[in-house]
Amino acid sequence: EALRSSAALPEAKRPEVIPGIEFSTEYLGSDIHIVGLDMQYQAPE
């Protein structure tokens, strides 16, 4: 949805949308967050 919305804007006003995600993980009993940027998010696996 974000990519479609950006593509619909005039080029001069079009922000680049970086595909991302934030994973919640556990390390020594603490909640640690890892952000992923610009990955192949559509891959089935």
PDB file of all heavy atoms in Angstrom:
ATOM      1  N   GLU A   1       0.830  -1.206   0.000  1.00  0.00           N
ATOM      2  CA  GLU A   1       0.000   0.000   0.000  1.00  0.00           C
ATOM      3  C   GLU A   1       0.864   1.255   0.000  1.00  0.00           C
ATOM      4  O   GLU A   1       0.579   2.227  -0.721  1.00  0.00           O
ATOM      5  CB  GLU A   1      -0.920   0.005   1.219  1.00  0.00           C
ATOM      6  CG  GLU A   1      -1.784   1.250   1.328  1.00  0.00           C
ATOM      7  CD  GLU A   1      -2.603   1.300   2.608  1.00  0.00           C
ATOM      8  OE1 GLU A   1      -2.975   0.227   3.129  1.00  0.00           O
ATOM      9  OE2 GLU A   1      -2.876   2.423   3.097  1.00  0.00           O
ATOM     10  N   ALA A   2       1.918   1.252   0.803  1.00  0.00           N
ATOM     11  CA  ALA A   2       2.805   2.417   0.853  1.00  0.00           C
ATOM     12  C   ALA A   2       3.488   2.651  -0.493  1.00  0.00           C
ATOM     13  O   ALA A   2       3.590   3.797  -0.954  1.00  0.00           O
ATOM     14  CB  ALA A   2       3.840   2.232   1.956  1.00  0.00           C
ATOM     15  N   LEU A   3       3.925   1.581  -1.134  1.00  0.00           N
ATOM     16  CA  LEU A   3       4.581   1.714  -2.441  1.00  0.00           C
ATOM     17  C   LEU A   3       3.614   2.262  -3.489  1.00  0.00           C
ATOM     18  O   LEU A   3       3.974   3.124  -4.296  1.00  0.00           O
ATOM     19  CB  LEU A   3       5.153   0.368  -2.878  1.00  0.00           C
ATOM     20  CG  LEU A   3       6.370  -0.126  -2.094  1.00  0.00           C
ATOM     21  CD1 LEU A   3       6.664  -1.579  -2.447  1.00  0.00           C
ATOM     22  CD2 LEU A   3       7.597   0.741  -2.378  1.00  0.00           C
ATOM     23  N   ARG A   4       2.389   1.763  -3.474  1.00  0.00           N
ATOM     24  CA  ARG A   4       1.387   2.263  -4.431  1.00  0.00           C
ATOM     25  C   ARG A   4       1.094   3.736  -4.193  1.00  0.00           C
ATOM     26  O   ARG A   4       0.995   4.524  -5.146  1.00  0.00           O
ATOM     27  CB  ARG A   4       0.091   1.460  -4.310  1.00  0.00           C
ATOM     28  CG  ARG A   4       0.142   0.052  -4.851  1.00  0.00           C
ATOM     29  CD  ARG A   4      -1.258  -0.532  -4.995  1.00  0.00           C
ATOM     30  NE  ARG A   4      -1.995  -0.530  -3.742  1.00  0.00           N
ATOM     31  CZ  ARG A   4      -1.984  -1.533  -2.867  1.00  0.00           C
ATOM     32  NH1 ARG A   4      -1.257  -2.610  -3.105  1.00  0.00           N
ATOM     33  NH2 ARG A   4      -2.708  -1.462  -1.756  1.00  0.00           N
ATOM     34  N   SER A   5       0.966   4.108  -2.939  1.00  0.00           N
ATOM     35  CA  SER A   5       0.646   5.499  -2.611  1.00  0.00           C
ATOM     36  C   SER A   5       1.773   6.434  -3.022  1.00  0.00           C
ATOM     37  O   SER A   5       1.530   7.535  -3.532  1.00  0.00           O
ATOM     38  CB  SER A   5       0.365   5.631  -1.113  1.00  0.00           C
ATOM     39  OG  SER A   5      -0.743   4.848  -0.744  1.00  0.00           O
ATOM     40  N   SER A   6       2.997   5.989  -2.803  1.00  0.00           N
ATOM     41  CA  SER A   6       4.136   6.816  -3.202  1.00  0.00           C
ATOM     42  C   SER A   6       4.212   6.955  -4.724  1.00  0.00           C
ATOM     43  O   SER A   6       4.427   8.048  -5.255  1.00  0.00           O
ATOM     44  CB  SER A   6       5.430   6.209  -2.660  1.00  0.00           C
ATOM     45  OG  SER A   6       6.537   6.998  -3.018  1.00  0.00           O
ATOM     46  N   ALA A   7       3.999   5.849  -5.424  1.00  0.00           N
ATOM     47  CA  ALA A   7       4.081   5.879  -6.891  1.00  0.00           C
ATOM     48  C   ALA A   7       3.024   6.785  -7.509  1.00  0.00           C
ATOM     49  O   ALA A   7       3.213   7.314  -8.618  1.00  0.00           O
ATOM     50  CB  ALA A   7       3.941   4.466  -7.442  1.00  0.00           C
ATOM     51  N   ALA A   8       1.911   6.993  -6.808  1.00  0.00           N
ATOM     52  CA  ALA A   8       0.835   7.828  -7.333  1.00  0.00           C
ATOM     53  C   ALA A   8       1.106   9.323  -7.199  1.00  0.00           C
ATOM     54  O   ALA A   8       0.391  10.137  -7.797  1.00  0.00           O
ATOM     55  CB  ALA A   8      -0.476   7.485  -6.620  1.00  0.00           C
ATOM     56  N   LEU A   9       2.118   9.687  -6.441  1.00  0.00           N
ATOM     57  CA  LEU A   9       2.434  11.100  -6.234  1.00  0.00           C
ATOM     58  C   LEU A   9       3.309  11.628  -7.369  1.00  0.00           C
ATOM     59  O   LEU A   9       4.041  10.864  -8.010  1.00  0.00           O
ATOM     60  CB  LEU A   9       3.174  11.282  -4.906  1.00  0.00           C
ATOM     61  CG  LEU A   9       2.379  11.032  -3.634  1.00  0.00           C
ATOM     62  CD1 LEU A   9       3.298  11.115  -2.418  1.00  0.00           C
ATOM     63  CD2 LEU A   9       1.237  12.024  -3.495  1.00  0.00           C
ATOM     64  N   PRO A  10       3.278  12.945  -7.617  1.00  0.00           N
ATOM     65  CA  PRO A  10       4.229  13.523  -8.566  1.00  0.00           C
ATOM     66  C   PRO A  10       5.662  13.212  -8.135  1.00  0.00           C
ATOM     67  O   PRO A  10       5.958  13.174  -6.941  1.00  0.00           O
ATOM     68  CB  PRO A  10       3.933  15.023  -8.485  1.00  0.00           C
ATOM     69  CG  PRO A  10       2.551  15.116  -7.941  1.00  0.00           C
ATOM     70  CD  PRO A  10       2.371  13.950  -7.036  1.00  0.00           C
ATOM     71  N   GLU A  11       6.528  12.996  -9.083  1.00  0.00           N
ATOM     72  CA  GLU A  11       7.885  12.542  -8.769  1.00  0.00           C
ATOM     73  C   GLU A  11       8.585  13.469  -7.782  1.00  0.00           C
ATOM     74  O   GLU A  11       9.308  13.012  -6.888  1.00  0.00           O
ATOM     75  CB  GLU A  11       8.711  12.426 -10.048  1.00  0.00           C
ATOM     76  CG  GLU A  11      10.086  11.845  -9.831  1.00  0.00           C
ATOM     77  CD  GLU A  11      10.822  11.578 -11.122  1.00  0.00           C
ATOM     78  OE1 GLU A  11      10.242  11.787 -12.201  1.00  0.00           O
ATOM     79  OE2 GLU A  11      11.999  11.164 -11.062  1.00  0.00           O
ATOM     80  N   ALA A  12       8.385  14.757  -7.915  1.00  0.00           N
ATOM     81  CA  ALA A  12       9.069  15.714  -7.044  1.00  0.00           C
ATOM     82  C   ALA A  12       8.601  15.620  -5.597  1.00  0.00           C
ATOM     83  O   ALA A  12       9.304  16.067  -4.687  1.00  0.00           O
ATOM     84  CB  ALA A  12       8.865  17.131  -7.562  1.00  0.00           C
ATOM     85  N   LYS A  13       7.418  15.040  -5.371  1.00  0.00           N
ATOM     86  CA  LYS A  13       6.876  14.947  -4.014  1.00  0.00           C
ATOM     87  C   LYS A  13       6.794  13.506  -3.535  1.00  0.00           C
ATOM     88  O   LYS A  13       6.106  13.208  -2.562  1.00  0.00           O
ATOM     89  CB  LYS A  13       5.485  15.584  -3.968  1.00  0.00           C
ATOM     90  CG  LYS A  13       5.478  17.084  -4.264  1.00  0.00           C
ATOM     91  CD  LYS A  13       4.092  17.671  -4.103  1.00  0.00           C
ATOM     92  CE  LYS A  13       4.104  19.175  -4.331  1.00  0.00           C
ATOM     93  NZ  LYS A  13       2.757  19.768  -4.143  1.00  0.00           N
ATOM     94  N   ARG A  14       7.518  12.613  -4.189  1.00  0.00           N
ATOM     95  CA  ARG A  14       7.389  11.179  -3.944  1.00  0.00           C
ATOM     96  C   ARG A  14       8.496  10.682  -3.013  1.00  0.00           C
ATOM     97  O   ARG A  14       9.653  10.589  -3.410  1.00  0.00           O
ATOM     98  CB  ARG A  14       7.459  10.438  -5.269  1.00  0.00           C
ATOM     99  CG  ARG A  14       7.219   8.938  -5.185  1.00  0.00           C
ATOM    100  CD  ARG A  14       7.417   8.313  -6.551  1.00  0.00           C
ATOM    101  NE  ARG A  14       6.548   8.936  -7.546  1.00  0.00           N
ATOM    102  CZ  ARG A  14       6.773   8.895  -8.861  1.00  0.00           C
ATOM    103  NH1 ARG A  14       7.866   8.287  -9.324  1.00  0.00           N
ATOM    104  NH2 ARG A  14       5.928   9.476  -9.697  1.00  0.00           N
ATOM    105  N   PRO A  15       8.181  10.348  -1.751  1.00  0.00           N
ATOM    106  CA  PRO A  15       9.217   9.779  -0.881  1.00  0.00           C
ATOM    107  C   PRO A  15       9.505   8.330  -1.271  1.00  0.00           C
ATOM    108  O   PRO A  15       8.596   7.589  -1.660  1.00  0.00           O
ATOM    109  CB  PRO A  15       8.581   9.848   0.514  1.00  0.00           C
ATOM    110  CG  PRO A  15       7.113   9.784   0.256  1.00  0.00           C
ATOM    111  CD  PRO A  15       6.877  10.478  -1.064  1.00  0.00           C
ATOM    112  N   GLU A  16      10.752   7.944  -1.184  1.00  0.00           N
ATOM    113  CA  GLU A  16      11.116   6.548  -1.398  1.00  0.00           C
ATOM    114  C   GLU A  16      10.624   5.733  -0.201  1.00  0.00           C
ATOM    115  O   GLU A  16      10.869   6.099   0.946  1.00  0.00           O
ATOM    116  CB  GLU A  16      12.633   6.418  -1.530  1.00  0.00           C
ATOM    117  CG  GLU A  16      13.108   4.989  -1.732  1.00  0.00           C
ATOM    118  CD  GLU A  16      14.625   4.867  -1.760  1.00  0.00           C
ATOM    119  OE1 GLU A  16      15.313   5.898  -1.564  1.00  0.00           O
ATOM    120  OE2 GLU A  16      15.122   3.748  -1.969  1.00  0.00           O
ATOM    121  N   VAL A  17       9.914   4.669  -0.473  1.00  0.00           N
ATOM    122  CA  VAL A  17       9.450   3.770   0.582  1.00  0.00           C
ATOM    123  C   VAL A  17      10.409   2.583   0.664  1.00  0.00           C
ATOM    124  O   VAL A  17      10.569   1.842  -0.304  1.00  0.00           O
ATOM    125  CB  VAL A  17       8.017   3.280   0.319  1.00  0.00           C
ATOM    126  CG1 VAL A  17       7.607   2.257   1.381  1.00  0.00           C
ATOM    127  CG2 VAL A  17       7.046   4.452   0.303  1.00  0.00           C
ATOM    128  N   ILE A  18      11.044   2.429   1.824  1.00  0.00           N
ATOM    129  CA  ILE A  18      11.979   1.331   2.044  1.00  0.00           C
ATOM    130  C   ILE A  18      11.214   0.191   2.717  1.00  0.00           C
ATOM    131  O   ILE A  18      10.700   0.352   3.822  1.00  0.00           O
ATOM    132  CB  ILE A  18      13.154   1.767   2.947  1.00  0.00           C
ATOM    133  CG1 ILE A  18      13.808   3.039   2.420  1.00  0.00           C
ATOM    134  CG2 ILE A  18      14.160   0.636   3.100  1.00  0.00           C
ATOM    135  CD1 ILE A  18      14.390   2.917   1.037  1.00  0.00           C
ATOM    136  N   PRO A  19      11.124  -0.970   2.060  1.00  0.00           N
ATOM    137  CA  PRO A  19      10.474  -2.106   2.728  1.00  0.00           C
ATOM    138  C   PRO A  19      11.235  -2.483   4.000  1.00  0.00           C
ATOM    139  O   PRO A  19      12.465  -2.615   3.981  1.00  0.00           O
ATOM    140  CB  PRO A  19      10.556  -3.227   1.688  1.00  0.00           C
ATOM    141  CG  PRO A  19      10.743  -2.528   0.374  1.00  0.00           C
ATOM    142  CD  PRO A  19      11.554  -1.307   0.697  1.00  0.00           C
ATOM    143  N   GLY A  20      10.518  -2.636   5.090  1.00  0.00           N
ATOM    144  CA  GLY A  20      11.177  -2.949   6.355  1.00  0.00           C
ATOM    145  C   GLY A  20      10.308  -3.782   7.261  1.00  0.00           C
ATOM    146  O   GLY A  20       9.153  -4.109   6.954  1.00  0.00           O
ATOM    147  N   ILE A  21      10.874  -4.134   8.400  1.00  0.00           N
ATOM    148  CA  ILE A  21      10.178  -4.918   9.419  1.00  0.00           C
ATOM    149  C   ILE A  21      10.938  -4.734  10.725  1.00  0.00           C
ATOM    150  O   ILE A  21      12.130  -4.387  10.714  1.00  0.00           O
ATOM    151  CB  ILE A  21      10.123  -6.410   9.016  1.00  0.00           C
ATOM    152  CG1 ILE A  21       9.094  -7.176   9.848  1.00  0.00           C
ATOM    153  CG2 ILE A  21      11.505  -7.051   9.086  1.00  0.00           C
ATOM    154  CD1 ILE A  21       8.753  -8.552   9.274  1.00  0.00           C
ATOM    155  N   GLU A  22      10.256  -4.928  11.848  1.00  0.00           N
ATOM    156  CA  GLU A  22      10.916  -4.918  13.154  1.00  0.00           C
ATOM    157  C   GLU A  22      10.589  -6.230  13.863  1.00  0.00           C
ATOM    158  O   GLU A  22       9.427  -6.508  14.160  1.00  0.00           O
ATOM    159  CB  GLU A  22      10.472  -3.729  14.007  1.00  0.00           C
ATOM    160  CG  GLU A  22      11.230  -3.637  15.328  1.00  0.00           C
ATOM    161  CD  GLU A  22      10.925  -2.379  16.123  1.00  0.00           C
ATOM    162  OE1 GLU A  22       9.932  -1.688  15.803  1.00  0.00           O
ATOM    163  OE2 GLU A  22      11.670  -2.086  17.079  1.00  0.00           O
ATOM    164  N   PHE A  23      11.628  -7.020  14.112  1.00  0.00           N
ATOM    165  CA  PHE A  23      11.457  -8.300  14.782  1.00  0.00           C
ATOM    166  C   PHE A  23      11.682  -8.143  16.281  1.00  0.00           C
ATOM    167  O   PHE A  23      12.657  -7.519  16.710  1.00  0.00           O
ATOM    168  CB  PHE A  23      12.455  -9.329  14.254  1.00  0.00           C
ATOM    169  CG  PHE A  23      12.181  -9.792  12.848  1.00  0.00           C
ATOM    170  CD1 PHE A  23      13.128  -9.614  11.852  1.00  0.00           C
ATOM    171  CD2 PHE A  23      10.987 -10.409  12.523  1.00  0.00           C
ATOM    172  CE1 PHE A  23      12.894 -10.051  10.558  1.00  0.00           C
ATOM    173  CE2 PHE A  23      10.739 -10.846  11.230  1.00  0.00           C
ATOM    174  CZ  PHE A  23      11.697 -10.669  10.243  1.00  0.00           C
ATOM    175  N   SER A  24      10.799  -8.737  17.062  1.00  0.00           N
ATOM    176  CA  SER A  24      10.989  -8.821  18.510  1.00  0.00           C
ATOM    177  C   SER A  24      11.687 -10.141  18.819  1.00  0.00           C
ATOM    178  O   SER A  24      11.188 -11.205  18.456  1.00  0.00           O
ATOM    179  CB  SER A  24       9.646  -8.757  19.235  1.00  0.00           C
ATOM    180  OG  SER A  24       9.013  -7.524  19.010  1.00  0.00           O
ATOM    181  N   THR A  25      12.823 -10.083  19.491  1.00  0.00           N
ATOM    182  CA  THR A  25      13.607 -11.271  19.777  1.00  0.00           C
ATOM    183  C   THR A  25      13.945 -11.316  21.261  1.00  0.00           C
ATOM    184  O   THR A  25      13.719 -10.345  21.991  1.00  0.00           O
ATOM    185  CB  THR A  25      14.912 -11.286  18.958  1.00  0.00           C
ATOM    186  OG1 THR A  25      15.836 -10.316  19.496  1.00  0.00           O
ATOM    187  CG2 THR A  25      14.665 -10.972  17.491  1.00  0.00           C
ATOM    188  N   GLU A  26      14.503 -12.433  21.703  1.00  0.00           N
ATOM    189  CA  GLU A  26      14.842 -12.585  23.118  1.00  0.00           C
ATOM    190  C   GLU A  26      16.321 -12.894  23.280  1.00  0.00           C
ATOM    191  O   GLU A  26      16.868 -13.768  22.598  1.00  0.00           O
ATOM    192  CB  GLU A  26      14.020 -13.696  23.758  1.00  0.00           C
ATOM    193  CG  GLU A  26      14.246 -13.807  25.265  1.00  0.00           C
ATOM    194  CD  GLU A  26      13.315 -14.783  25.937  1.00  0.00           C
ATOM    195  OE1 GLU A  26      12.491 -15.407  25.244  1.00  0.00           O
ATOM    196  OE2 GLU A  26      13.413 -14.918  27.171  1.00  0.00           O
ATOM    197  N   TYR A  27      16.953 -12.173  24.200  1.00  0.00           N
ATOM    198  CA  TYR A  27      18.376 -12.341  24.477  1.00  0.00           C
ATOM    199  C   TYR A  27      18.586 -12.200  25.976  1.00  0.00           C
ATOM    200  O   TYR A  27      18.298 -11.142  26.548  1.00  0.00           O
ATOM    201  CB  TYR A  27      19.172 -11.284  23.706  1.00  0.00           C
ATOM    202  CG  TYR A  27      20.644 -11.192  24.060  1.00  0.00           C
ATOM    203  CD1 TYR A  27      21.559 -12.118  23.579  1.00  0.00           C
ATOM    204  CD2 TYR A  27      21.111 -10.154  24.860  1.00  0.00           C
ATOM    205  CE1 TYR A  27      22.905 -12.019  23.888  1.00  0.00           C
ATOM    206  CE2 TYR A  27      22.455 -10.041  25.177  1.00  0.00           C
ATOM    207  CZ  TYR A  27      23.352 -10.984  24.686  1.00  0.00           C
ATOM    208  OH  TYR A  27      24.684 -10.880  25.005  1.00  0.00           O
ATOM    209  N   LEU A  28      19.011 -13.269  26.605  1.00  0.00           N
ATOM    210  CA  LEU A  28      19.268 -13.271  28.050  1.00  0.00           C
ATOM    211  C   LEU A  28      18.075 -12.730  28.839  1.00  0.00           C
ATOM    212  O   LEU A  28      18.230 -11.977  29.800  1.00  0.00           O
ATOM    213  CB  LEU A  28      20.532 -12.463  28.368  1.00  0.00           C
ATOM    214  CG  LEU A  28      21.828 -12.953  27.719  1.00  0.00           C
ATOM    215  CD1 LEU A  28      22.989 -12.049  28.106  1.00  0.00           C
ATOM    216  CD2 LEU A  28      22.127 -14.401  28.096  1.00  0.00           C
ATOM    217  N   GLY A  29      16.883 -13.108  28.403  1.00  0.00           N
ATOM    218  CA  GLY A  29      15.671 -12.698  29.100  1.00  0.00           C
ATOM    219  C   GLY A  29      15.159 -11.319  28.751  1.00  0.00           C
ATOM    220  O   GLY A  29      14.130 -10.896  29.284  1.00  0.00           O
ATOM    221  N   SER A  30      15.851 -10.612  27.852  1.00  0.00           N
ATOM    222  CA  SER A  30      15.434  -9.261  27.467  1.00  0.00           C
ATOM    223  C   SER A  30      14.830  -9.254  26.066  1.00  0.00           C
ATOM    224  O   SER A  30      15.183 -10.079  25.219  1.00  0.00           O
ATOM    225  CB  SER A  30      16.632  -8.309  27.491  1.00  0.00           C
ATOM    226  OG  SER A  30      17.153  -8.163  28.786  1.00  0.00           O
ATOM    227  N   ASP A  31      13.952  -8.309  25.845  1.00  0.00           N
ATOM    228  CA  ASP A  31      13.313  -8.112  24.543  1.00  0.00           C
ATOM    229  C   ASP A  31      14.219  -7.220  23.697  1.00  0.00           C
ATOM    230  O   ASP A  31      14.405  -6.039  24.010  1.00  0.00           O
ATOM    231  CB  ASP A  31      11.944  -7.467  24.757  1.00  0.00           C
ATOM    232  CG  ASP A  31      11.124  -7.394  23.489  1.00  0.00           C
ATOM    233  OD1 ASP A  31      11.362  -8.192  22.573  1.00  0.00           O
ATOM    234  OD2 ASP A  31      10.227  -6.531  23.421  1.00  0.00           O
ATOM    235  N   ILE A  32      14.782  -7.777  22.634  1.00  0.00           N
ATOM    236  CA  ILE A  32      15.697  -7.055  21.754  1.00  0.00           C
ATOM    237  C   ILE A  32      15.057  -6.925  20.385  1.00  0.00           C
ATOM    238  O   ILE A  32      14.555  -7.912  19.831  1.00  0.00           O
ATOM    239  CB  ILE A  32      17.048  -7.793  21.618  1.00  0.00           C
ATOM    240  CG1 ILE A  32      17.691  -8.004  22.985  1.00  0.00           C
ATOM    241  CG2 ILE A  32      17.984  -7.043  20.670  1.00  0.00           C
ATOM    242  CD1 ILE A  32      18.085  -6.743  23.700  1.00  0.00           C
ATOM    243  N   HIS A  33      15.069  -5.728  19.814  1.00  0.00           N
ATOM    244  CA  HIS A  33      14.425  -5.493  18.529  1.00  0.00           C
ATOM    245  C   HIS A  33      15.462  -5.337  17.418  1.00  0.00           C
ATOM    246  O   HIS A  33      16.411  -4.563  17.546  1.00  0.00           O
ATOM    247  CB  HIS A  33      13.550  -4.246  18.593  1.00  0.00           C
ATOM    248  CG  HIS A  33      12.321  -4.434  19.424  1.00  0.00           C
ATOM    249  ND1 HIS A  33      11.285  -3.523  19.454  1.00  0.00           N
ATOM    250  CD2 HIS A  33      11.945  -5.447  20.239  1.00  0.00           C
ATOM    251  CE1 HIS A  33      10.340  -3.964  20.259  1.00  0.00           C
ATOM    252  NE2 HIS A  33      10.727  -5.129  20.748  1.00  0.00           N
ATOM    253  N   ILE A  34      15.224  -6.077  16.346  1.00  0.00           N
ATOM    254  CA  ILE A  34      16.075  -6.013  15.167  1.00  0.00           C
ATOM    255  C   ILE A  34      15.242  -5.479  14.006  1.00  0.00           C
ATOM    256  O   ILE A  34      14.208  -6.057  13.653  1.00  0.00           O
ATOM    257  CB  ILE A  34      16.639  -7.404  14.798  1.00  0.00           C
ATOM    258  CG1 ILE A  34      17.414  -8.005  15.972  1.00  0.00           C
ATOM    259  CG2 ILE A  34      17.518  -7.295  13.542  1.00  0.00           C
ATOM    260  CD1 ILE A  34      18.675  -7.266  16.358  1.00  0.00           C
ATOM    261  N   VAL A  35      15.680  -4.384  13.421  1.00  0.00           N
ATOM    262  CA  VAL A  35      15.027  -3.810  12.251  1.00  0.00           C
ATOM    263  C   VAL A  35      15.687  -4.370  10.997  1.00  0.00           C
ATOM    264  O   VAL A  35      16.916  -4.432  10.900  1.00  0.00           O
ATOM    265  CB  VAL A  35      15.117  -2.269  12.268  1.00  0.00           C
ATOM    266  CG1 VAL A  35      14.801  -1.675  10.903  1.00  0.00           C
ATOM    267  CG2 VAL A  35      14.172  -1.698  13.320  1.00  0.00           C
ATOM    268  N   GLY A  36      14.864  -4.783  10.049  1.00  0.00           N
ATOM    269  CA  GLY A  36      15.353  -5.202   8.742  1.00  0.00           C
ATOM    270  C   GLY A  36      14.939  -4.188   7.693  1.00  0.00           C
ATOM    271  O   GLY A  36      13.784  -3.745   7.664  1.00  0.00           O
ATOM    272  N   LEU A  37      15.872  -3.803   6.838  1.00  0.00           N
ATOM    273  CA  LEU A  37      15.611  -2.808   5.802  1.00  0.00           C
ATOM    274  C   LEU A  37      15.891  -3.375   4.417  1.00  0.00           C
ATOM    275  O   LEU A  37      16.888  -4.088   4.221  1.00  0.00           O
ATOM    276  CB  LEU A  37      16.497  -1.568   6.009  1.00  0.00           C
ATOM    277  CG  LEU A  37      16.366  -0.818   7.334  1.00  0.00           C
ATOM    278  CD1 LEU A  37      17.422   0.270   7.420  1.00  0.00           C
ATOM    279  CD2 LEU A  37      14.967  -0.241   7.503  1.00  0.00           C
ATOM    280  N   ASP A  38      15.036  -3.051   3.481  1.00  0.00           N
ATOM    281  CA  ASP A  38      15.270  -3.294   2.053  1.00  0.00           C
ATOM    282  C   ASP A  38      15.533  -4.761   1.730  1.00  0.00           C
ATOM    283  O   ASP A  38      16.348  -5.076   0.869  1.00  0.00           O
ATOM    284  CB  ASP A  38      16.435  -2.419   1.571  1.00  0.00           C
ATOM    285  CG  ASP A  38      16.367  -2.152   0.074  1.00  0.00           C
ATOM    286  OD1 ASP A  38      15.250  -2.071  -0.461  1.00  0.00           O
ATOM    287  OD2 ASP A  38      17.441  -2.030  -0.551  1.00  0.00           O
ATOM    288  N   MET A  39      14.824  -5.669   2.424  1.00  0.00           N
ATOM    289  CA  MET A  39      15.003  -7.084   2.162  1.00  0.00           C
ATOM    290  C   MET A  39      14.015  -7.536   1.076  1.00  0.00           C
ATOM    291  O   MET A  39      13.106  -6.806   0.694  1.00  0.00           O
ATOM    292  CB  MET A  39      14.816  -7.912   3.435  1.00  0.00           C
ATOM    293  CG  MET A  39      13.437  -7.850   4.046  1.00  0.00           C
ATOM    294  SD  MET A  39      13.179  -6.358   5.028  1.00  0.00           S
ATOM    295  CE  MET A  39      11.384  -6.365   5.168  1.00  0.00           C
ATOM    296  N   GLN A  40      14.202  -8.750   0.607  1.00  0.00           N
ATOM    297  CA  GLN A  40      13.299  -9.335  -0.390  1.00  0.00           C
ATOM    298  C   GLN A  40      12.061  -9.861   0.350  1.00  0.00           C
ATOM    299  O   GLN A  40      11.876 -11.059   0.526  1.00  0.00           O
ATOM    300  CB  GLN A  40      14.017 -10.437  -1.159  1.00  0.00           C
ATOM    301  CG  GLN A  40      15.197  -9.941  -1.975  1.00  0.00           C
ATOM    302  CD  GLN A  40      16.012 -11.075  -2.568  1.00  0.00           C
ATOM    303  OE1 GLN A  40      15.658 -12.248  -2.488  1.00  0.00           O
ATOM    304  NE2 GLN A  40      17.143 -10.731  -3.173  1.00  0.00           N
ATOM    305  N   TYR A  41      11.234  -8.936   0.757  1.00  0.00           N
ATOM    306  CA  TYR A  41      10.149  -9.270   1.678  1.00  0.00           C
ATOM    307  C   TYR A  41       9.065 -10.123   1.038  1.00  0.00           C
ATOM    308  O   TYR A  41       8.287 -10.781   1.727  1.00  0.00           O
ATOM    309  CB  TYR A  41       9.532  -7.992   2.260  1.00  0.00           C
ATOM    310  CG  TYR A  41       8.714  -7.191   1.276  1.00  0.00           C
ATOM    311  CD1 TYR A  41       7.327  -7.328   1.233  1.00  0.00           C
ATOM    312  CD2 TYR A  41       9.313  -6.320   0.384  1.00  0.00           C
ATOM    313  CE1 TYR A  41       6.567  -6.603   0.337  1.00  0.00           C
ATOM    314  CE2 TYR A  41       8.570  -5.598  -0.516  1.00  0.00           C
ATOM    315  CZ  TYR A  41       7.206  -5.737  -0.544  1.00  0.00           C
ATOM    316  OH  TYR A  41       6.462  -5.022  -1.444  1.00  0.00           O
ATOM    317  N   GLN A  42       8.982 -10.147  -0.284  1.00  0.00           N
ATOM    318  CA  GLN A  42       7.950 -10.925  -0.962  1.00  0.00           C
ATOM    319  C   GLN A  42       8.331 -12.392  -1.152  1.00  0.00           C
ATOM    320  O   GLN A  42       7.493 -13.184  -1.583  1.00  0.00           O
ATOM    321  CB  GLN A  42       7.621 -10.298  -2.314  1.00  0.00           C
ATOM    322  CG  GLN A  42       6.953  -8.923  -2.203  1.00  0.00           C
ATOM    323  CD  GLN A  42       6.734  -8.287  -3.550  1.00  0.00           C
ATOM    324  OE1 GLN A  42       7.662  -8.170  -4.357  1.00  0.00           O
ATOM    325  NE2 GLN A  42       5.499  -7.875  -3.816  1.00  0.00           N
ATOM    326  N   ALA A  43       9.559 -12.739  -0.827  1.00  0.00           N
ATOM    327  CA  ALA A  43      10.001 -14.121  -1.009  1.00  0.00           C
ATOM    328  C   ALA A  43       9.122 -15.057  -0.171  1.00  0.00           C
ATOM    329  O   ALA A  43       8.881 -14.788   1.008  1.00  0.00           O
ATOM    330  CB  ALA A  43      11.462 -14.265  -0.607  1.00  0.00           C
ATOM    331  N   PRO A  44       8.631 -16.147  -0.747  1.00  0.00           N
ATOM    332  CA  PRO A  44       7.729 -17.046  -0.016  1.00  0.00           C
ATOM    333  C   PRO A  44       8.314 -17.561   1.296  1.00  0.00           C
ATOM    334  O   PRO A  44       7.595 -17.637   2.306  1.00  0.00           O
ATOM    335  CB  PRO A  44       7.485 -18.185  -1.013  1.00  0.00           C
ATOM    336  CG  PRO A  44       7.662 -17.547  -2.355  1.00  0.00           C
ATOM    337  CD  PRO A  44       8.766 -16.551  -2.163  1.00  0.00           C
ATOM    338  N   GLU A  45       9.586 -17.903   1.316  1.00  0.00           N
ATOM    339  CA  GLU A  45      10.179 -18.423   2.545  1.00  0.00           C
ATOM    340  C   GLU A  45      10.222 -17.339   3.620  1.00  0.00           C
ATOM    341  O   GLU A  45       9.981 -17.618   4.801  1.00  0.00           O
ATOM    342  CB  GLU A  45      11.583 -18.962   2.290  1.00  0.00           C
ATOM    343  CG  GLU A  45      12.208 -19.625   3.504  1.00  0.00           C
ATOM    344  CD  GLU A  45      13.642 -20.070   3.279  1.00  0.00           C
ATOM    345  OE1 GLU A  45      14.095 -20.091   2.115  1.00  0.00           O
ATOM    346  OE2 GLU A  45      14.329 -20.368   4.277  1.00  0.00           O
TER     347      GLU A  45
END
